[in-house]
Amino acid sequence: MNKLFTGSFAILFLLTSCSKENEMTVPMDVQKQLESFEWSPIVSAKGTTNEQLKHKPKDCEKDNVYTFTFAESANKFTVNRGKELCGDDKLTFESLIFAEGQHRAFAYDKEKKSIKFADSSPYQSYEVQLDGDQLILISRNNNPAAYVIPFEYYFQGKRTAATK
């Protein structure tokens, strides 16, 4: 009876620990850094390479503010649109990510350091690079049949009132 109880406990422990390993969670330091700032699009001052293109925010995007929210039920990326709306311009970060919405659910892959938005292509993800109050999201398309050049989106962070 004791062996049966011990064996059942061991199996239960293995099942629960395996399921937690497979969850896509954000390392706490990355999560805190992303949540601590309101992110505004900026033009990159860094040099360029042939492998990647830098997104230059349009005037209608420059007063947008983006925030990350992490919750057990769902992670959420939010846009607070500025005064000037982008309208039908499909080449803006705002329209590519949010379309007509204001929120977008996402999962974070800590091994790849990337965000995958809900309902996006299975090949599409965004690599996350953080340097203090600077954020770079690099679009990636890992479809072997498609040749898509990665785009870099640059953001400047401003501490939120809750974290000051």
C-alpha atoms as a PDB file:
ATOM      1  CA  MET A   1       0.000   0.000   0.000  1.00  0.00           C
ATOM      2  CA  ASN A   2       2.848   2.359   0.875  1.00  0.00           C
ATOM      3  CA  LYS A   3       4.553   1.660  -2.508  1.00  0.00           C
ATOM      4  CA  LEU A   4       1.295   2.379  -4.333  1.00  0.00           C
ATOM      5  CA  PHE A   5       0.906   5.691  -2.520  1.00  0.00           C
ATOM      6  CA  THR A   6       4.549   6.665  -3.174  1.00  0.00           C
ATOM      7  CA  GLY A   7       4.281   5.662  -6.858  1.00  0.00           C
ATOM      8  CA  SER A   8       1.058   7.660  -7.308  1.00  0.00           C
ATOM      9  CA  PHE A   9       2.644  10.693  -5.679  1.00  0.00           C
ATOM     10  CA  ALA A  10       5.733  10.429  -7.932  1.00  0.00           C
ATOM     11  CA  ILE A  11       3.600  10.194 -11.091  1.00  0.00           C
ATOM     12  CA  LEU A  12       1.480  13.166 -10.000  1.00  0.00           C
ATOM     13  CA  PHE A  13       4.629  15.193  -9.288  1.00  0.00           C
ATOM     14  CA  LEU A  14       6.137  14.367 -12.698  1.00  0.00           C
ATOM     15  CA  LEU A  15       2.930  15.262 -14.539  1.00  0.00           C
ATOM     16  CA  THR A  16       2.555  18.623 -12.831  1.00  0.00           C
ATOM     17  CA  SER A  17       6.235  19.545 -13.253  1.00  0.00           C
ATOM     18  CA  CYS A  18       6.187  18.597 -16.963  1.00  0.00           C
ATOM     19  CA  SER A  19       3.147  20.730 -17.667  1.00  0.00           C
ATOM     20  CA  LYS A  20       4.774  23.743 -16.034  1.00  0.00           C
ATOM     21  CA  GLU A  21       7.937  23.328 -18.130  1.00  0.00           C
ATOM     22  CA  ASN A  22       5.939  23.468 -21.347  1.00  0.00           C
ATOM     23  CA  GLU A  23       4.081  26.676 -20.456  1.00  0.00           C
ATOM     24  CA  MET A  24       5.253  29.809 -22.219  1.00  0.00           C
ATOM     25  CA  THR A  25       6.079  32.185 -19.403  1.00  0.00           C
ATOM     26  CA  VAL A  26       7.980  35.419 -19.310  1.00  0.00           C
ATOM     27  CA  PRO A  27      11.029  35.538 -17.039  1.00  0.00           C
ATOM     28  CA  MET A  28      10.130  37.812 -14.144  1.00  0.00           C
ATOM     29  CA  ASP A  29      12.805  40.434 -14.946  1.00  0.00           C
ATOM     30  CA  VAL A  30      11.623  40.771 -18.573  1.00  0.00           C
ATOM     31  CA  GLN A  31       8.003  40.859 -17.451  1.00  0.00           C
ATOM     32  CA  LYS A  32       8.684  43.583 -14.882  1.00  0.00           C
ATOM     33  CA  GLN A  33      10.635  45.646 -17.380  1.00  0.00           C
ATOM     34  CA  LEU A  34       7.942  45.402 -20.073  1.00  0.00           C
ATOM     35  CA  GLU A  35       5.153  46.219 -17.585  1.00  0.00           C
ATOM     36  CA  SER A  36       7.053  49.095 -15.947  1.00  0.00           C
ATOM     37  CA  PHE A  37       7.004  51.306 -19.020  1.00  0.00           C
ATOM     38  CA  GLU A  38       4.643  52.922 -21.459  1.00  0.00           C
ATOM     39  CA  TRP A  39       6.298  52.359 -24.833  1.00  0.00           C
ATOM     40  CA  SER A  40       6.258  55.027 -27.555  1.00  0.00           C
ATOM     41  CA  PRO A  41       7.517  54.388 -31.103  1.00  0.00           C
ATOM     42  CA  ILE A  42      10.772  56.101 -32.064  1.00  0.00           C
ATOM     43  CA  VAL A  43      13.060  56.295 -35.076  1.00  0.00           C
ATOM     44  CA  SER A  44      16.191  54.220 -34.563  1.00  0.00           C
ATOM     45  CA  ALA A  45      19.544  55.959 -34.493  1.00  0.00           C
ATOM     46  CA  LYS A  46      21.416  52.660 -34.884  1.00  0.00           C
ATOM     47  CA  GLY A  47      23.173  51.663 -38.078  1.00  0.00           C
ATOM     48  CA  THR A  48      21.412  49.540 -40.657  1.00  0.00           C
ATOM     49  CA  THR A  49      22.143  46.109 -42.072  1.00  0.00           C
ATOM     50  CA  ASN A  50      21.000  44.454 -45.273  1.00  0.00           C
ATOM     51  CA  GLU A  51      19.254  41.666 -43.352  1.00  0.00           C
ATOM     52  CA  GLN A  52      16.786  43.842 -41.470  1.00  0.00           C
ATOM     53  CA  LEU A  53      14.650  46.867 -42.196  1.00  0.00           C
ATOM     54  CA  LYS A  54      13.891  49.545 -39.634  1.00  0.00           C
ATOM     55  CA  HIS A  55      10.338  50.740 -39.284  1.00  0.00           C
ATOM     56  CA  LYS A  56      10.042  54.500 -39.389  1.00  0.00           C
ATOM     57  CA  PRO A  57       6.900  55.458 -37.463  1.00  0.00           C
ATOM     58  CA  LYS A  58       4.479  57.586 -39.446  1.00  0.00           C
ATOM     59  CA  ASP A  59       3.244  60.856 -37.963  1.00  0.00           C
ATOM     60  CA  CYS A  60      -0.046  59.206 -36.992  1.00  0.00           C
ATOM     61  CA  GLU A  61       1.855  56.607 -34.904  1.00  0.00           C
ATOM     62  CA  LYS A  62       4.233  58.899 -33.055  1.00  0.00           C
ATOM     63  CA  ASP A  63       1.810  59.767 -30.249  1.00  0.00           C
ATOM     64  CA  ASN A  64       0.651  56.164 -29.690  1.00  0.00           C
ATOM     65  CA  VAL A  65       1.514  54.525 -26.379  1.00  0.00           C
ATOM     66  CA  TYR A  66       1.803  50.751 -25.969  1.00  0.00           C
ATOM     67  CA  THR A  67       1.599  48.801 -22.712  1.00  0.00           C
ATOM     68  CA  PHE A  68       2.098  45.181 -21.670  1.00  0.00           C
ATOM     69  CA  THR A  69      -0.083  43.474 -19.064  1.00  0.00           C
ATOM     70  CA  PHE A  70       0.703  40.048 -17.668  1.00  0.00           C
ATOM     71  CA  ALA A  71      -2.028  37.970 -16.064  1.00  0.00           C
ATOM     72  CA  GLU A  72      -2.566  34.281 -15.380  1.00  0.00           C
ATOM     73  CA  SER A  73      -5.609  34.209 -17.630  1.00  0.00           C
ATOM     74  CA  ALA A  74      -3.974  36.000 -20.582  1.00  0.00           C
ATOM     75  CA  ASN A  75      -1.146  38.381 -21.408  1.00  0.00           C
ATOM     76  CA  LYS A  76      -2.294  41.529 -23.161  1.00  0.00           C
ATOM     77  CA  PHE A  77      -0.573  44.090 -25.396  1.00  0.00           C
ATOM     78  CA  THR A  78      -2.523  47.360 -25.598  1.00  0.00           C
ATOM     79  CA  VAL A  79      -2.384  50.435 -27.798  1.00  0.00           C
ATOM     80  CA  ASN A  80      -3.598  53.804 -26.596  1.00  0.00           C
ATOM     81  CA  ARG A  81      -3.942  55.665 -29.853  1.00  0.00           C
ATOM     82  CA  GLY A  82      -2.884  59.270 -30.060  1.00  0.00           C
ATOM     83  CA  LYS A  83      -4.863  62.185 -31.460  1.00  0.00           C
ATOM     84  CA  GLU A  84      -4.036  61.487 -35.097  1.00  0.00           C
ATOM     85  CA  LEU A  85      -5.455  58.177 -36.324  1.00  0.00           C
ATOM     86  CA  CYS A  86      -3.691  56.204 -39.051  1.00  0.00           C
ATOM     87  CA  GLY A  87      -6.890  55.304 -40.885  1.00  0.00           C
ATOM     88  CA  ASP A  88      -6.496  52.829 -43.751  1.00  0.00           C
ATOM     89  CA  ASP A  89      -2.667  52.843 -43.780  1.00  0.00           C
ATOM     90  CA  LYS A  90      -1.839  49.116 -43.566  1.00  0.00           C
ATOM     91  CA  LEU A  91       1.930  49.658 -43.277  1.00  0.00           C
ATOM     92  CA  THR A  92       1.886  50.947 -39.701  1.00  0.00           C
ATOM     93  CA  PHE A  93       2.819  48.890 -36.647  1.00  0.00           C
ATOM     94  CA  GLU A  94      -0.571  49.800 -35.194  1.00  0.00           C
ATOM     95  CA  SER A  95      -2.544  48.350 -38.118  1.00  0.00           C
ATOM     96  CA  LEU A  96      -0.305  45.273 -38.494  1.00  0.00           C
ATOM     97  CA  ILE A  97      -0.683  44.273 -34.849  1.00  0.00           C
ATOM     98  CA  PHE A  98      -4.064  45.622 -33.800  1.00  0.00           C
ATOM     99  CA  ALA A  99      -6.140  46.092 -36.981  1.00  0.00           C
ATOM    100  CA  GLU A 100      -9.278  47.694 -35.536  1.00  0.00           C
ATOM    101  CA  GLY A 101      -8.780  46.496 -31.938  1.00  0.00           C
ATOM    102  CA  GLN A 102      -7.102  48.046 -28.950  1.00  0.00           C
ATOM    103  CA  HIS A 103      -5.782  44.849 -27.308  1.00  0.00           C
ATOM    104  CA  ARG A 104      -3.995  41.754 -28.519  1.00  0.00           C
ATOM    105  CA  ALA A 105      -3.320  38.612 -26.513  1.00  0.00           C
ATOM    106  CA  PHE A 106       0.157  37.096 -26.701  1.00  0.00           C
ATOM    107  CA  ALA A 107       2.381  34.330 -25.390  1.00  0.00           C
ATOM    108  CA  TYR A 108       6.076  34.721 -24.610  1.00  0.00           C
ATOM    109  CA  ASP A 109       8.614  32.035 -25.487  1.00  0.00           C
ATOM    110  CA  LYS A 110      11.435  32.498 -22.978  1.00  0.00           C
ATOM    111  CA  GLU A 111      13.873  30.262 -24.900  1.00  0.00           C
ATOM    112  CA  LYS A 112      13.483  32.244 -28.128  1.00  0.00           C
ATOM    113  CA  LYS A 113      12.864  35.538 -26.268  1.00  0.00           C
ATOM    114  CA  SER A 114       9.931  36.176 -28.555  1.00  0.00           C
ATOM    115  CA  ILE A 115       6.291  37.167 -28.519  1.00  0.00           C
ATOM    116  CA  LYS A 116       3.684  35.303 -30.488  1.00  0.00           C
ATOM    117  CA  PHE A 117       0.372  37.104 -30.886  1.00  0.00           C
ATOM    118  CA  ALA A 118      -2.906  35.216 -30.686  1.00  0.00           C
ATOM    119  CA  ASP A 119      -4.477  34.355 -34.051  1.00  0.00           C
ATOM    120  CA  SER A 120      -1.297  35.200 -35.964  1.00  0.00           C
ATOM    121  CA  SER A 121       0.413  33.021 -38.538  1.00  0.00           C
ATOM    122  CA  PRO A 122       2.108  29.984 -36.961  1.00  0.00           C
ATOM    123  CA  TYR A 123       5.362  31.218 -38.520  1.00  0.00           C
ATOM    124  CA  GLN A 124       5.147  34.845 -37.293  1.00  0.00           C
ATOM    125  CA  SER A 125       6.765  35.989 -34.042  1.00  0.00           C
ATOM    126  CA  TYR A 126       8.481  39.080 -32.613  1.00  0.00           C
ATOM    127  CA  GLU A 127      11.889  38.824 -30.969  1.00  0.00           C
ATOM    128  CA  VAL A 128      12.110  40.994 -27.843  1.00  0.00           C
ATOM    129  CA  GLN A 129      15.288  42.959 -27.114  1.00  0.00           C
ATOM    130  CA  LEU A 130      15.412  45.182 -24.037  1.00  0.00           C
ATOM    131  CA  ASP A 131      18.080  47.666 -23.035  1.00  0.00           C
ATOM    132  CA  GLY A 132      16.920  49.703 -20.052  1.00  0.00           C
ATOM    133  CA  ASP A 133      14.144  51.951 -21.304  1.00  0.00           C
ATOM    134  CA  GLN A 134      14.578  50.937 -24.952  1.00  0.00           C
ATOM    135  CA  LEU A 135      12.623  48.120 -26.577  1.00  0.00           C
ATOM    136  CA  ILE A 136      13.138  46.579 -29.992  1.00  0.00           C
ATOM    137  CA  LEU A 137      10.582  44.184 -31.437  1.00  0.00           C
ATOM    138  CA  ILE A 138      11.949  42.328 -34.459  1.00  0.00           C
ATOM    139  CA  SER A 139       9.379  40.630 -36.665  1.00  0.00           C
ATOM    140  CA  ARG A 140      10.339  37.127 -37.733  1.00  0.00           C
ATOM    141  CA  ASN A 141       8.687  34.835 -40.254  1.00  0.00           C
ATOM    142  CA  ASN A 142      10.069  31.318 -40.013  1.00  0.00           C
ATOM    143  CA  ASN A 143       8.161  29.907 -42.966  1.00  0.00           C
ATOM    144  CA  PRO A 144      10.784  28.089 -45.056  1.00  0.00           C
ATOM    145  CA  ALA A 145       8.724  28.671 -48.207  1.00  0.00           C
ATOM    146  CA  ALA A 146       8.570  32.449 -47.764  1.00  0.00           C
ATOM    147  CA  TYR A 147      11.386  34.954 -47.828  1.00  0.00           C
ATOM    148  CA  VAL A 148      10.380  37.769 -45.517  1.00  0.00           C
ATOM    149  CA  ILE A 149      12.917  40.339 -44.358  1.00  0.00           C
ATOM    150  CA  PRO A 150      12.723  41.001 -40.603  1.00  0.00           C
ATOM    151  CA  PHE A 151      11.458  44.419 -39.527  1.00  0.00           C
ATOM    152  CA  GLU A 152      12.738  46.204 -36.419  1.00  0.00           C
ATOM    153  CA  TYR A 153      10.290  48.324 -34.403  1.00  0.00           C
ATOM    154  CA  TYR A 154      11.881  50.687 -31.860  1.00  0.00           C
ATOM    155  CA  PHE A 155      10.245  52.007 -28.703  1.00  0.00           C
ATOM    156  CA  GLN A 156      11.268  54.394 -25.947  1.00  0.00           C
ATOM    157  CA  GLY A 157       9.944  53.625 -22.475  1.00  0.00           C
ATOM    158  CA  LYS A 158       8.518  56.067 -19.995  1.00  0.00           C
ATOM    159  CA  ARG A 159       7.947  54.738 -16.479  1.00  0.00           C
ATOM    160  CA  THR A 160       4.292  54.254 -15.643  1.00  0.00           C
ATOM    161  CA  ALA A 161       2.819  56.101 -12.669  1.00  0.00           C
ATOM    162  CA  ALA A 162       2.483  52.828 -10.772  1.00  0.00           C
ATOM    163  CA  THR A 163       6.239  52.109 -10.976  1.00  0.00           C
ATOM    164  CA  LYS A 164       7.682  55.556 -10.242  1.00  0.00           C
END
